[in-house]
Structure formats: structure tokens, C-alpha cells
Protein backbone atom coordinates (compact mmCIF):
# COMPACT_ATOMS: atom_id res chain seq x y z
CA PRO A 1 -4.41 1.93 -11.51
CA ASN A 2 -1.49 2.09 -8.96
CA VAL A 3 -1.67 4.49 -6.18
CA ILE A 4 1.17 5.80 -4.33
CA ALA A 5 1.43 8.08 -1.19
CA TRP A 6 4.80 9.45 0.35
CA GLN A 7 5.48 10.87 3.89
CA LYS A 8 9.16 12.49 3.80
CA GLY A 9 11.48 11.35 6.56
CA SER A 10 12.12 13.47 9.34
CA ASP A 11 16.00 13.13 9.53
CA PRO A 12 17.56 15.25 6.60
CA SER A 13 20.72 12.78 6.69
CA LEU A 14 18.32 9.75 6.15
CA ASN A 15 15.22 11.03 4.29
CA SER A 16 16.65 9.90 0.79
CA GLU A 17 16.20 6.59 2.05
CA TYR A 18 13.05 4.85 1.87
CA VAL A 19 10.68 2.28 3.43
CA VAL A 20 8.14 0.73 1.34
CA ILE A 21 4.92 -0.53 2.49
CA GLY A 22 2.77 -2.13 -0.06
CA ALA A 23 -0.68 -3.86 -0.67
CA HIS A 24 -2.48 -4.90 -3.87
CA LEU A 25 -5.88 -3.59 -4.50
CA ASP A 26 -6.73 -5.13 -7.51
CA HIS A 27 -9.59 -7.84 -7.67
CA LEU A 28 -10.81 -10.07 -10.42
CA GLY A 29 -14.35 -10.48 -8.88
CA LEU A 30 -16.43 -12.65 -11.47
CA SER A 31 -14.45 -14.34 -14.26
CA ARG A 32 -15.88 -16.84 -16.41
CA GLY A 33 -18.69 -17.59 -14.28
CA GLU A 34 -16.42 -18.11 -11.24
CA ILE A 35 -16.38 -16.08 -8.17
CA HIS A 36 -13.17 -14.93 -6.63
CA PRO A 37 -13.38 -13.79 -3.19
CA GLY A 38 -11.11 -10.87 -2.48
CA ALA A 39 -12.27 -9.51 0.82
CA ASP A 40 -9.66 -11.32 2.85
CA ASP A 41 -6.80 -10.59 0.41
CA ASN A 42 -7.33 -7.40 -1.49
CA GLY A 43 -9.79 -5.69 1.03
CA SER A 44 -7.84 -6.40 4.27
CA GLY A 45 -4.37 -5.56 2.72
CA SER A 46 -5.61 -2.24 1.36
CA THR A 47 -7.51 -1.43 4.56
CA ALA A 48 -4.42 -2.17 6.67
CA LEU A 49 -2.13 -0.07 4.35
CA LEU A 50 -4.44 2.77 4.79
CA ASN A 51 -4.61 2.49 8.54
CA ILE A 52 -0.91 2.41 8.94
CA ALA A 53 -0.47 5.45 6.66
CA LYS A 54 -3.16 7.30 8.75
CA ALA A 55 -1.41 6.30 12.13
CA MET A 56 1.96 7.42 10.64
CA ALA A 57 0.33 10.77 9.52
CA SER A 58 -1.25 11.47 12.87
CA ASN A 59 1.65 10.53 15.04
CA PRO A 60 3.68 13.31 16.40
CA VAL A 61 6.85 11.34 16.17
CA LYS A 62 7.83 11.07 12.37
CA PRO A 63 9.89 8.32 10.96
CA LYS A 64 13.51 9.06 10.00
CA ARG A 65 13.32 7.55 6.80
CA SER A 66 11.07 8.56 3.96
CA VAL A 67 8.01 6.14 3.75
CA LEU A 68 6.02 4.97 0.50
CA PHE A 69 2.76 3.47 0.61
CA LEU A 70 2.01 1.70 -2.41
CA TRP A 71 -1.28 0.21 -3.61
CA PHE A 72 -0.82 -1.99 -6.81
CA ALA A 73 -2.81 -3.54 -9.20
CA ALA A 74 -2.27 -6.59 -11.92
CA GLU A 75 -1.09 -8.88 -9.33
CA GLU A 76 -3.36 -11.63 -10.24
CA ILE A 77 -2.14 -11.66 -13.97
CA GLY A 78 1.44 -11.64 -13.08
CA LEU A 79 3.95 -9.46 -14.73
CA VAL A 80 1.63 -7.43 -16.94
């Protein structure tokens, strides 16, 4: 599944513009007997995105533009 979080921008004239920060969270794991390591790919990207979102939420200075945080799946299988 895809996951989205949103932080509204602080500037009323700019908060309809968006900055998108994303990472993929899917992972194949074991497929046809082959191990597909994902900790340095999926795990690190998802963790970094979560830490960015937490830092922005706790910072008293809010971005002027709205921010979308996207964790998306199905990256490994292309356009599906």
C-alpha cells in the first residue's frame, strides 16, 4: 500500500504549491529462492523520510509551501 502524509504550508499565498518528498517502502524479500536485501534501500529511505517528517513537524518554523510525504509501493515491478 501507498502511504501519504501532508503538512500544510504556513504562507496562505504559497500553501497551494507542494514540495514532494518520497521513498519506496516495498520489498521483495525472498523470491524464487533468491534473497533481495532491502535494508539499505527500502529501510533507509523510509526511515529517512519519517525522520524528515518528524523534524519538520516539531520545528516551530514551518515551510511556506505545503509538503507531501509519500511512501510508495510497487517500485520493484515497474509500472504496476
